[in-house]
Amino acid sequence: MALKVFKQVMPVLALMLAVGAAGCHRHEQPPQAASLESAANTPMASLDGFVWQSSAPQSKLDFLLGVECAMAMEAAIKQVAEERGGTVQLSRFAHGWQIAFRDKARPDIVRQIDEFYTQNPEQKKRHVFDVIWTEMVRPAVDAARDTAQK
């Protein structure tokens, strides 16, 4: 059943992520030195600090909404499986996201990502998901685990 639900929601998820990244533009050079490409030509793999910082504020919020929707679908699949006596574990990313951002609004997460790239301009080639995981999610998970162990 969970697989059936997953197959039904996957096209919606893909569309949400595409819409979230629609305002992103890829730059081979810093934004002030490069011309913008069409959003349709921007692959998700190129979502680094240059792209992030040159994206419109609403595009950043839309991207995070897409990520949150993907994790909400994952949680829904888990819930349906549990209601039917099965078990499904959340991915480490979804579990960590819940820990790291449970009390944060999307604009606050955008500010956190913006601040990282502003304070670390030499790391603008890092993918946004790498920054979210390494700099925000994993430290929050580690802190929660340390607190639970005390």
N, C-alpha and C. Protein backbone atom coordinates (compact mmCIF):
# COMPACT_ATOMS: atom_id res chain seq x y z
N MET A 1 0.82 -1.19 0.00
CA MET A 1 0.00 0.00 0.00
C MET A 1 0.87 1.26 0.00
N ALA A 2 1.91 1.25 0.82
CA ALA A 2 2.79 2.43 0.88
C ALA A 2 3.43 2.68 -0.47
N LEU A 3 3.78 1.62 -1.19
CA LEU A 3 4.37 1.79 -2.51
C LEU A 3 3.37 2.41 -3.47
N LYS A 4 2.11 2.00 -3.38
CA LYS A 4 1.06 2.55 -4.23
C LYS A 4 0.90 4.05 -3.96
N VAL A 5 0.85 4.42 -2.69
CA VAL A 5 0.74 5.83 -2.31
C VAL A 5 1.95 6.60 -2.81
N PHE A 6 3.13 6.01 -2.65
CA PHE A 6 4.36 6.65 -3.09
C PHE A 6 4.33 6.92 -4.59
N LYS A 7 3.88 5.93 -5.38
CA LYS A 7 3.81 6.09 -6.82
C LYS A 7 2.82 7.17 -7.22
N GLN A 8 1.78 7.34 -6.44
CA GLN A 8 0.79 8.36 -6.75
C GLN A 8 1.27 9.76 -6.41
N VAL A 9 2.05 9.91 -5.36
CA VAL A 9 2.47 11.23 -4.93
C VAL A 9 3.80 11.66 -5.55
N MET A 10 4.54 10.73 -6.11
CA MET A 10 5.85 11.07 -6.68
C MET A 10 5.77 12.13 -7.78
N PRO A 11 4.83 12.04 -8.74
CA PRO A 11 4.75 13.10 -9.75
C PRO A 11 4.45 14.47 -9.14
N VAL A 12 3.61 14.49 -8.11
CA VAL A 12 3.30 15.75 -7.43
C VAL A 12 4.54 16.30 -6.75
N LEU A 13 5.29 15.44 -6.10
CA LEU A 13 6.52 15.84 -5.43
C LEU A 13 7.51 16.41 -6.44
N ALA A 14 7.68 15.74 -7.55
CA ALA A 14 8.61 16.22 -8.58
C ALA A 14 8.20 17.60 -9.08
N LEU A 15 6.91 17.79 -9.27
CA LEU A 15 6.41 19.09 -9.71
C LEU A 15 6.68 20.16 -8.66
N MET A 16 6.45 19.83 -7.39
CA MET A 16 6.70 20.81 -6.32
C MET A 16 8.15 21.22 -6.26
N LEU A 17 9.04 20.24 -6.38
CA LEU A 17 10.47 20.56 -6.34
C LEU A 17 10.86 21.40 -7.55
N ALA A 18 10.28 21.09 -8.71
CA ALA A 18 10.58 21.86 -9.92
C ALA A 18 10.11 23.29 -9.77
N VAL A 19 8.91 23.48 -9.23
CA VAL A 19 8.38 24.82 -9.02
C VAL A 19 9.24 25.57 -8.00
N GLY A 20 9.67 24.88 -6.98
CA GLY A 20 10.50 25.52 -5.96
C GLY A 20 11.82 26.01 -6.51
N ALA A 21 12.36 25.29 -7.48
CA ALA A 21 13.65 25.68 -8.07
C ALA A 21 13.48 26.56 -9.30
N ALA A 22 12.25 26.87 -9.67
CA ALA A 22 12.00 27.59 -10.91
C ALA A 22 12.67 28.96 -10.97
N GLY A 23 12.82 29.61 -9.84
CA GLY A 23 13.42 30.93 -9.85
C GLY A 23 14.92 30.92 -9.75
N CYS A 24 15.52 29.76 -9.68
CA CYS A 24 16.96 29.65 -9.53
C CYS A 24 17.64 29.81 -10.88
N HIS A 25 18.72 30.52 -10.89
CA HIS A 25 19.50 30.73 -12.10
C HIS A 25 20.94 30.34 -11.85
N ARG A 26 21.56 29.65 -12.77
CA ARG A 26 22.94 29.17 -12.62
C ARG A 26 23.93 30.21 -13.13
N HIS A 27 24.99 30.42 -12.35
CA HIS A 27 26.07 31.33 -12.73
C HIS A 27 27.37 30.55 -12.68
N GLU A 28 28.16 30.66 -13.70
CA GLU A 28 29.48 30.04 -13.67
C GLU A 28 30.44 30.93 -12.90
N GLN A 29 30.13 32.23 -12.85
CA GLN A 29 30.94 33.19 -12.13
C GLN A 29 30.06 33.81 -11.05
N PRO A 30 30.63 34.64 -10.19
CA PRO A 30 29.79 35.33 -9.22
C PRO A 30 28.67 36.08 -9.93
N PRO A 31 27.51 36.25 -9.28
CA PRO A 31 26.33 36.82 -9.92
C PRO A 31 26.56 38.13 -10.64
N GLN A 32 27.37 39.01 -10.09
CA GLN A 32 27.56 40.30 -10.73
C GLN A 32 28.33 40.20 -12.04
N ALA A 33 29.03 39.09 -12.27
CA ALA A 33 29.84 38.97 -13.48
C ALA A 33 29.21 38.08 -14.54
N ALA A 34 28.11 37.45 -14.26
CA ALA A 34 27.54 36.49 -15.20
C ALA A 34 26.13 36.89 -15.59
N SER A 35 25.72 36.46 -16.78
CA SER A 35 24.34 36.70 -17.19
C SER A 35 23.48 35.54 -16.71
N LEU A 36 22.22 35.80 -16.48
CA LEU A 36 21.31 34.77 -15.97
C LEU A 36 20.87 33.84 -17.10
N GLU A 37 20.80 32.55 -16.78
CA GLU A 37 20.26 31.57 -17.71
C GLU A 37 18.79 31.39 -17.43
N SER A 38 18.10 30.79 -18.35
CA SER A 38 16.69 30.48 -18.16
C SER A 38 16.54 29.50 -17.01
N ALA A 39 15.52 29.70 -16.18
CA ALA A 39 15.28 28.80 -15.05
C ALA A 39 15.02 27.38 -15.53
N ALA A 40 14.45 27.24 -16.71
CA ALA A 40 14.15 25.91 -17.24
C ALA A 40 15.43 25.14 -17.54
N ASN A 41 16.54 25.83 -17.74
CA ASN A 41 17.81 25.20 -18.05
C ASN A 41 18.66 24.96 -16.81
N THR A 42 18.13 25.21 -15.64
CA THR A 42 18.89 25.07 -14.40
C THR A 42 18.63 23.71 -13.79
N PRO A 43 19.61 22.80 -13.88
CA PRO A 43 19.40 21.49 -13.26
C PRO A 43 19.51 21.60 -11.74
N MET A 44 18.78 20.72 -11.06
CA MET A 44 18.79 20.71 -9.60
C MET A 44 20.21 20.52 -9.06
N ALA A 45 21.04 19.80 -9.79
CA ALA A 45 22.40 19.53 -9.33
C ALA A 45 23.24 20.79 -9.23
N SER A 46 22.81 21.87 -9.88
CA SER A 46 23.60 23.09 -9.86
C SER A 46 23.17 24.07 -8.77
N LEU A 47 22.36 23.63 -7.85
CA LEU A 47 21.85 24.52 -6.81
C LEU A 47 22.91 24.73 -5.72
N ASP A 48 23.87 25.58 -6.05
CA ASP A 48 24.95 25.89 -5.12
C ASP A 48 24.75 27.30 -4.55
N GLY A 49 25.75 27.79 -3.86
CA GLY A 49 25.66 29.10 -3.23
C GLY A 49 25.52 30.25 -4.22
N PHE A 50 26.14 30.14 -5.38
CA PHE A 50 25.99 31.19 -6.38
C PHE A 50 24.54 31.28 -6.83
N VAL A 51 23.94 30.12 -7.10
CA VAL A 51 22.55 30.08 -7.54
C VAL A 51 21.64 30.54 -6.40
N TRP A 52 21.89 30.02 -5.21
CA TRP A 52 21.06 30.37 -4.06
C TRP A 52 21.05 31.87 -3.83
N GLN A 53 22.22 32.48 -3.80
CA GLN A 53 22.29 33.90 -3.48
C GLN A 53 21.73 34.80 -4.58
N SER A 54 21.70 34.28 -5.81
CA SER A 54 21.14 35.10 -6.89
C SER A 54 19.66 34.84 -7.10
N SER A 55 19.09 33.92 -6.36
CA SER A 55 17.67 33.59 -6.50
C SER A 55 16.81 34.62 -5.76
N ALA A 56 15.62 34.81 -6.27
CA ALA A 56 14.66 35.71 -5.63
C ALA A 56 14.26 35.15 -4.27
N PRO A 57 13.97 36.01 -3.32
CA PRO A 57 13.56 35.53 -1.99
C PRO A 57 12.38 34.55 -2.05
N GLN A 58 11.40 34.82 -2.90
CA GLN A 58 10.26 33.92 -3.01
C GLN A 58 10.67 32.56 -3.56
N SER A 59 11.64 32.53 -4.46
CA SER A 59 12.12 31.26 -5.01
C SER A 59 12.77 30.41 -3.92
N LYS A 60 13.50 31.05 -3.02
CA LYS A 60 14.12 30.33 -1.91
C LYS A 60 13.04 29.72 -1.01
N LEU A 61 12.02 30.51 -0.72
CA LEU A 61 10.92 30.01 0.10
C LEU A 61 10.19 28.87 -0.60
N ASP A 62 9.99 29.01 -1.91
CA ASP A 62 9.32 27.96 -2.69
C ASP A 62 10.13 26.68 -2.70
N PHE A 63 11.44 26.81 -2.82
CA PHE A 63 12.31 25.63 -2.79
C PHE A 63 12.15 24.89 -1.47
N LEU A 64 12.21 25.63 -0.36
CA LEU A 64 12.07 25.00 0.95
C LEU A 64 10.68 24.40 1.14
N LEU A 65 9.67 25.04 0.58
CA LEU A 65 8.32 24.46 0.62
C LEU A 65 8.30 23.12 -0.09
N GLY A 66 8.96 23.03 -1.22
CA GLY A 66 9.04 21.76 -1.94
C GLY A 66 9.73 20.69 -1.11
N VAL A 67 10.80 21.06 -0.44
CA VAL A 67 11.50 20.10 0.43
C VAL A 67 10.58 19.66 1.56
N GLU A 68 9.91 20.62 2.18
CA GLU A 68 9.00 20.28 3.28
C GLU A 68 7.85 19.39 2.80
N CYS A 69 7.36 19.63 1.60
CA CYS A 69 6.29 18.78 1.06
C CYS A 69 6.79 17.35 0.84
N ALA A 70 8.01 17.22 0.37
CA ALA A 70 8.57 15.88 0.18
C ALA A 70 8.65 15.15 1.51
N MET A 71 9.06 15.86 2.54
CA MET A 71 9.17 15.22 3.85
C MET A 71 7.79 14.96 4.47
N ALA A 72 6.83 15.81 4.16
CA ALA A 72 5.47 15.56 4.64
C ALA A 72 4.90 14.30 3.98
N MET A 73 5.21 14.11 2.71
CA MET A 73 4.77 12.89 2.03
C MET A 73 5.43 11.66 2.63
N GLU A 74 6.70 11.78 2.94
CA GLU A 74 7.41 10.66 3.57
C GLU A 74 6.77 10.33 4.92
N ALA A 75 6.44 11.36 5.69
CA ALA A 75 5.80 11.13 6.99
C ALA A 75 4.41 10.52 6.81
N ALA A 76 3.69 10.94 5.78
CA ALA A 76 2.36 10.38 5.52
C ALA A 76 2.45 8.91 5.13
N ILE A 77 3.43 8.56 4.34
CA ILE A 77 3.64 7.16 3.96
C ILE A 77 3.95 6.33 5.21
N LYS A 78 4.78 6.88 6.08
CA LYS A 78 5.11 6.19 7.33
C LYS A 78 3.86 5.99 8.18
N GLN A 79 3.05 7.03 8.29
CA GLN A 79 1.84 6.96 9.10
C GLN A 79 0.86 5.92 8.54
N VAL A 80 0.65 5.90 7.24
CA VAL A 80 -0.25 4.93 6.63
C VAL A 80 0.26 3.52 6.86
N ALA A 81 1.55 3.33 6.70
CA ALA A 81 2.13 2.00 6.92
C ALA A 81 1.91 1.55 8.36
N GLU A 82 2.12 2.45 9.31
CA GLU A 82 1.94 2.11 10.72
C GLU A 82 0.48 1.82 11.05
N GLU A 83 -0.44 2.56 10.44
CA GLU A 83 -1.86 2.32 10.66
C GLU A 83 -2.28 0.94 10.14
N ARG A 84 -1.55 0.44 9.19
CA ARG A 84 -1.86 -0.87 8.62
C ARG A 84 -0.98 -1.97 9.18
N GLY A 85 -0.28 -1.66 10.24
CA GLY A 85 0.53 -2.68 10.91
C GLY A 85 1.93 -2.84 10.36
N GLY A 86 2.31 -2.05 9.39
CA GLY A 86 3.65 -2.12 8.81
C GLY A 86 4.58 -1.14 9.48
N THR A 87 5.80 -1.14 9.01
CA THR A 87 6.77 -0.18 9.52
C THR A 87 7.53 0.44 8.35
N VAL A 88 7.71 1.71 8.43
CA VAL A 88 8.53 2.45 7.47
C VAL A 88 9.30 3.47 8.29
N GLN A 89 10.59 3.54 8.09
CA GLN A 89 11.40 4.52 8.81
C GLN A 89 11.58 5.76 7.95
N LEU A 90 11.55 6.90 8.61
CA LEU A 90 11.86 8.14 7.90
C LEU A 90 13.33 8.11 7.50
N SER A 91 13.63 8.77 6.39
CA SER A 91 15.03 8.89 6.00
C SER A 91 15.77 9.69 7.07
N ARG A 92 17.07 9.54 7.10
CA ARG A 92 17.88 10.31 8.07
C ARG A 92 17.70 11.80 7.84
N PHE A 93 17.55 12.20 6.58
CA PHE A 93 17.38 13.62 6.27
C PHE A 93 16.05 14.13 6.82
N ALA A 94 14.96 13.40 6.58
CA ALA A 94 13.64 13.83 7.06
C ALA A 94 13.60 13.87 8.58
N HIS A 95 14.15 12.84 9.20
CA HIS A 95 14.21 12.80 10.67
C HIS A 95 15.02 13.98 11.19
N GLY A 96 16.17 14.22 10.59
CA GLY A 96 17.02 15.33 11.01
C GLY A 96 16.38 16.68 10.77
N TRP A 97 15.67 16.82 9.65
CA TRP A 97 14.98 18.07 9.33
C TRP A 97 13.97 18.40 10.44
N GLN A 98 13.24 17.37 10.87
CA GLN A 98 12.25 17.58 11.93
C GLN A 98 12.92 18.08 13.20
N ILE A 99 14.08 17.55 13.50
CA ILE A 99 14.80 17.97 14.71
C ILE A 99 15.36 19.39 14.55
N ALA A 100 15.99 19.64 13.43
CA ALA A 100 16.68 20.91 13.22
C ALA A 100 15.74 22.10 13.04
N PHE A 101 14.62 21.86 12.37
CA PHE A 101 13.77 22.98 11.97
C PHE A 101 12.35 22.93 12.53
N ARG A 102 12.12 22.12 13.55
CA ARG A 102 10.75 21.97 14.07
C ARG A 102 10.15 23.27 14.55
N ASP A 103 10.96 24.17 15.06
CA ASP A 103 10.45 25.44 15.58
C ASP A 103 10.84 26.64 14.71
N LYS A 104 11.22 26.38 13.48
CA LYS A 104 11.67 27.47 12.61
C LYS A 104 10.74 27.63 11.42
N ALA A 105 10.46 28.87 11.11
CA ALA A 105 9.67 29.19 9.93
C ALA A 105 10.58 29.19 8.71
N ARG A 106 9.99 29.00 7.54
CA ARG A 106 10.76 28.98 6.31
C ARG A 106 11.65 30.21 6.13
N PRO A 107 11.17 31.43 6.39
CA PRO A 107 12.05 32.59 6.25
C PRO A 107 13.29 32.52 7.15
N ASP A 108 13.14 31.89 8.32
CA ASP A 108 14.29 31.74 9.22
C ASP A 108 15.31 30.77 8.64
N ILE A 109 14.84 29.72 7.99
CA ILE A 109 15.75 28.76 7.36
C ILE A 109 16.47 29.42 6.19
N VAL A 110 15.72 30.22 5.41
CA VAL A 110 16.34 30.96 4.30
C VAL A 110 17.44 31.86 4.83
N ARG A 111 17.15 32.57 5.91
CA ARG A 111 18.16 33.45 6.51
C ARG A 111 19.39 32.67 6.96
N GLN A 112 19.17 31.49 7.53
CA GLN A 112 20.30 30.67 7.98
C GLN A 112 21.19 30.26 6.80
N ILE A 113 20.56 29.86 5.70
CA ILE A 113 21.33 29.47 4.51
C ILE A 113 22.03 30.69 3.93
N ASP A 114 21.31 31.81 3.84
CA ASP A 114 21.92 33.06 3.34
C ASP A 114 23.14 33.45 4.18
N GLU A 115 22.98 33.38 5.49
CA GLU A 115 24.09 33.74 6.38
C GLU A 115 25.29 32.82 6.19
N PHE A 116 25.04 31.54 5.99
CA PHE A 116 26.16 30.62 5.77
C PHE A 116 26.96 31.05 4.55
N TYR A 117 26.28 31.27 3.43
CA TYR A 117 27.01 31.62 2.20
C TYR A 117 27.65 33.01 2.31
N THR A 118 27.02 33.93 3.02
CA THR A 118 27.61 35.26 3.20
C THR A 118 28.86 35.18 4.06
N GLN A 119 28.81 34.38 5.13
CA GLN A 119 29.95 34.26 6.04
C GLN A 119 31.04 33.35 5.50
N ASN A 120 30.72 32.55 4.48
CA ASN A 120 31.68 31.59 3.92
C ASN A 120 31.69 31.69 2.39
N PRO A 121 32.09 32.84 1.84
CA PRO A 121 32.02 33.02 0.39
C PRO A 121 32.90 32.03 -0.38
N GLU A 122 33.91 31.49 0.26
CA GLU A 122 34.78 30.52 -0.41
C GLU A 122 34.07 29.16 -0.57
N GLN A 123 32.90 29.00 0.03
CA GLN A 123 32.18 27.74 -0.05
C GLN A 123 30.91 27.83 -0.91
N LYS A 124 30.84 28.83 -1.75
CA LYS A 124 29.66 29.01 -2.59
C LYS A 124 29.46 27.89 -3.61
N LYS A 125 30.48 27.09 -3.84
CA LYS A 125 30.32 25.98 -4.79
C LYS A 125 29.63 24.78 -4.14
N ARG A 126 29.45 24.82 -2.84
CA ARG A 126 28.77 23.72 -2.13
C ARG A 126 27.28 23.74 -2.45
N HIS A 127 26.73 22.56 -2.68
CA HIS A 127 25.31 22.42 -2.96
C HIS A 127 24.51 22.83 -1.73
N VAL A 128 23.34 23.40 -1.94
CA VAL A 128 22.50 23.85 -0.84
C VAL A 128 22.14 22.69 0.09
N PHE A 129 21.83 21.51 -0.48
CA PHE A 129 21.50 20.37 0.38
C PHE A 129 22.70 19.95 1.24
N ASP A 130 23.91 20.08 0.71
CA ASP A 130 25.10 19.77 1.49
C ASP A 130 25.21 20.73 2.68
N VAL A 131 24.97 22.01 2.43
CA VAL A 131 25.03 23.01 3.50
C VAL A 131 23.93 22.75 4.53
N ILE A 132 22.72 22.48 4.06
CA ILE A 132 21.62 22.21 5.00
C ILE A 132 21.95 21.01 5.88
N TRP A 133 22.41 19.92 5.24
CA TRP A 133 22.70 18.70 6.01
C TRP A 133 23.89 18.89 6.95
N THR A 134 25.02 19.34 6.40
CA THR A 134 26.27 19.39 7.16
C THR A 134 26.29 20.50 8.21
N GLU A 135 25.74 21.63 7.87
CA GLU A 135 25.86 22.80 8.75
C GLU A 135 24.67 23.02 9.66
N MET A 136 23.52 22.41 9.34
CA MET A 136 22.31 22.69 10.12
C MET A 136 21.67 21.43 10.70
N VAL A 137 21.40 20.46 9.84
CA VAL A 137 20.67 19.27 10.29
C VAL A 137 21.54 18.37 11.16
N ARG A 138 22.68 17.97 10.65
CA ARG A 138 23.53 17.03 11.41
C ARG A 138 23.94 17.59 12.77
N PRO A 139 24.35 18.87 12.88
CA PRO A 139 24.67 19.38 14.22
C PRO A 139 23.46 19.37 15.16
N ALA A 140 22.27 19.63 14.64
CA ALA A 140 21.07 19.60 15.49
C ALA A 140 20.78 18.19 15.96
N VAL A 141 20.95 17.20 15.08
CA VAL A 141 20.74 15.81 15.44
C VAL A 141 21.77 15.39 16.50
N ASP A 142 23.02 15.76 16.29
CA ASP A 142 24.07 15.43 17.26
C ASP A 142 23.78 16.06 18.62
N ALA A 143 23.34 17.31 18.64
CA ALA A 143 23.03 18.01 19.89
C ALA A 143 21.85 17.34 20.58
N ALA A 144 20.83 16.94 19.82
CA ALA A 144 19.66 16.26 20.40
C ALA A 144 20.06 14.92 20.99
N ARG A 145 20.93 14.22 20.30
CA ARG A 145 21.39 12.91 20.80
C ARG A 145 22.21 13.10 22.07
N ASP A 146 23.09 14.11 22.10
CA ASP A 146 23.89 14.38 23.29
C ASP A 146 23.01 14.75 24.48
N THR A 147 21.98 15.54 24.24
CA THR A 147 21.05 15.93 25.29
C THR A 147 20.30 14.72 25.82
N ALA A 148 19.87 13.85 24.92
CA ALA A 148 19.13 12.65 25.32
C ALA A 148 19.98 11.68 26.13
N GLN A 149 21.28 11.68 25.88
CA GLN A 149 22.18 10.77 26.58
C GLN A 149 22.52 11.25 27.99
N LYS A 150 22.28 12.51 28.26
CA LYS A 150 22.64 13.07 29.58
C LYS A 150 21.59 12.79 30.61
